[in-house]
Amino acid sequence: MLLTFDEYQKLTGGRGCKIADLLALPGSEDIELEIPAMRELVKPADFN
């Protein structure tokens, strides 16, 4: 489900969420986060 920014603010009470706060929540230690390695950071410009 995709929310608009206004809907998100209504759900969160208009307060921002910091990643550190989310990581401190109980149960967050069970979350697996897989970040794929970036193989190619820069691509040449395509002027065709």
N, C-alpha and C. Protein backbone atom coordinates (compact mmCIF):
# COMPACT_ATOMS: atom_id res chain seq x y z
N MET A 1 0.85 -1.18 0.00
CA MET A 1 0.00 0.00 0.00
C MET A 1 0.89 1.24 0.00
N LEU A 2 0.58 2.15 -0.84
CA LEU A 2 1.35 3.38 -0.96
C LEU A 2 0.57 4.52 -0.32
N LEU A 3 1.25 5.28 0.53
CA LEU A 3 0.61 6.40 1.21
C LEU A 3 1.11 7.72 0.64
N THR A 4 0.25 8.72 0.68
CA THR A 4 0.71 10.07 0.36
C THR A 4 1.44 10.60 1.59
N PHE A 5 2.21 11.64 1.42
CA PHE A 5 2.93 12.22 2.54
C PHE A 5 1.96 12.73 3.60
N ASP A 6 0.86 13.31 3.19
CA ASP A 6 -0.15 13.80 4.14
C ASP A 6 -0.75 12.65 4.95
N GLU A 7 -1.03 11.52 4.30
CA GLU A 7 -1.56 10.36 5.02
C GLU A 7 -0.54 9.82 6.01
N TYR A 8 0.72 9.80 5.60
CA TYR A 8 1.78 9.34 6.50
C TYR A 8 1.86 10.22 7.73
N GLN A 9 1.80 11.53 7.53
CA GLN A 9 1.87 12.45 8.68
C GLN A 9 0.68 12.25 9.61
N LYS A 10 -0.49 11.97 9.06
CA LYS A 10 -1.66 11.71 9.91
C LYS A 10 -1.44 10.46 10.75
N LEU A 11 -0.89 9.42 10.14
CA LEU A 11 -0.66 8.17 10.86
C LEU A 11 0.41 8.31 11.93
N THR A 12 1.43 9.10 11.67
CA THR A 12 2.53 9.24 12.62
C THR A 12 2.35 10.41 13.57
N GLY A 13 1.27 11.13 13.44
CA GLY A 13 1.03 12.27 14.31
C GLY A 13 1.87 13.47 13.93
N GLY A 14 2.42 13.47 12.72
CA GLY A 14 3.19 14.61 12.23
C GLY A 14 4.61 14.67 12.74
N ARG A 15 5.01 13.69 13.53
CA ARG A 15 6.39 13.72 14.04
C ARG A 15 7.27 12.84 13.16
N GLY A 16 8.46 13.28 12.96
CA GLY A 16 9.40 12.52 12.14
C GLY A 16 9.92 11.31 12.88
N CYS A 17 10.35 10.34 12.14
CA CYS A 17 10.89 9.12 12.71
C CYS A 17 12.37 9.02 12.36
N LYS A 18 13.19 8.77 13.34
CA LYS A 18 14.62 8.62 13.10
C LYS A 18 14.97 7.14 13.07
N ILE A 19 15.91 6.78 12.21
CA ILE A 19 16.29 5.38 12.08
C ILE A 19 16.79 4.82 13.41
N ALA A 20 17.47 5.63 14.20
CA ALA A 20 17.97 5.17 15.50
C ALA A 20 16.81 4.81 16.42
N ASP A 21 15.73 5.56 16.36
CA ASP A 21 14.55 5.25 17.18
C ASP A 21 13.92 3.93 16.74
N LEU A 22 13.85 3.71 15.43
CA LEU A 22 13.26 2.48 14.91
C LEU A 22 14.11 1.27 15.27
N LEU A 23 15.43 1.43 15.22
CA LEU A 23 16.32 0.32 15.54
C LEU A 23 16.31 -0.01 17.03
N ALA A 24 15.87 0.92 17.87
CA ALA A 24 15.83 0.70 19.31
C ALA A 24 14.53 0.01 19.75
N LEU A 25 13.59 -0.17 18.84
CA LEU A 25 12.31 -0.80 19.19
C LEU A 25 12.51 -2.27 19.54
N PRO A 26 11.75 -2.77 20.50
CA PRO A 26 11.83 -4.19 20.83
C PRO A 26 11.52 -5.05 19.61
N GLY A 27 12.30 -6.10 19.42
CA GLY A 27 12.09 -6.99 18.29
C GLY A 27 12.89 -6.61 17.06
N SER A 28 13.48 -5.43 17.05
CA SER A 28 14.23 -5.00 15.86
C SER A 28 15.51 -5.81 15.67
N GLU A 29 15.97 -6.46 16.74
CA GLU A 29 17.19 -7.26 16.61
C GLU A 29 16.94 -8.50 15.75
N ASP A 30 15.68 -8.86 15.53
CA ASP A 30 15.34 -10.03 14.73
C ASP A 30 15.19 -9.70 13.24
N ILE A 31 15.27 -8.44 12.89
CA ILE A 31 15.11 -8.03 11.50
C ILE A 31 16.42 -8.23 10.75
N GLU A 32 16.31 -8.92 9.62
CA GLU A 32 17.49 -9.12 8.78
C GLU A 32 17.51 -8.06 7.69
N LEU A 33 18.63 -7.39 7.57
CA LEU A 33 18.77 -6.35 6.56
C LEU A 33 19.88 -6.75 5.61
N GLU A 34 19.50 -7.01 4.37
CA GLU A 34 20.47 -7.37 3.36
C GLU A 34 20.62 -6.21 2.39
N ILE A 35 21.81 -5.67 2.34
CA ILE A 35 22.08 -4.57 1.43
C ILE A 35 22.98 -5.11 0.32
N PRO A 36 22.47 -5.13 -0.90
CA PRO A 36 23.28 -5.66 -1.99
C PRO A 36 24.48 -4.76 -2.28
N ALA A 37 25.60 -5.40 -2.64
CA ALA A 37 26.80 -4.64 -2.97
C ALA A 37 26.57 -3.89 -4.28
N MET A 38 27.00 -2.66 -4.30
CA MET A 38 26.89 -1.86 -5.52
C MET A 38 28.11 -2.14 -6.39
N ARG A 39 27.88 -2.70 -7.52
CA ARG A 39 28.97 -3.07 -8.41
C ARG A 39 29.44 -1.87 -9.24
N GLU A 40 28.50 -1.10 -9.71
CA GLU A 40 28.84 0.00 -10.61
C GLU A 40 28.25 1.30 -10.06
N LEU A 41 29.09 2.16 -9.57
CA LEU A 41 28.62 3.41 -8.97
C LEU A 41 28.37 4.50 -10.00
N VAL A 42 29.18 4.49 -11.05
CA VAL A 42 29.06 5.55 -12.05
C VAL A 42 28.88 4.91 -13.42
N LYS A 43 27.91 5.42 -14.17
CA LYS A 43 27.69 4.94 -15.52
C LYS A 43 28.02 6.06 -16.49
N PRO A 44 28.59 5.74 -17.62
CA PRO A 44 28.89 6.79 -18.59
C PRO A 44 27.58 7.37 -19.16
N ALA A 45 27.61 8.63 -19.52
CA ALA A 45 26.46 9.28 -20.09
C ALA A 45 26.15 8.72 -21.47
N ASP A 46 24.86 8.53 -21.77
CA ASP A 46 24.43 8.03 -23.07
C ASP A 46 23.87 9.20 -23.86
N PHE A 47 24.61 9.68 -24.83
CA PHE A 47 24.20 10.85 -25.62
C PHE A 47 23.56 10.45 -26.94
N ASN A 48 23.17 9.19 -27.08
CA ASN A 48 22.54 8.74 -28.35
C ASN A 48 21.12 9.20 -28.46
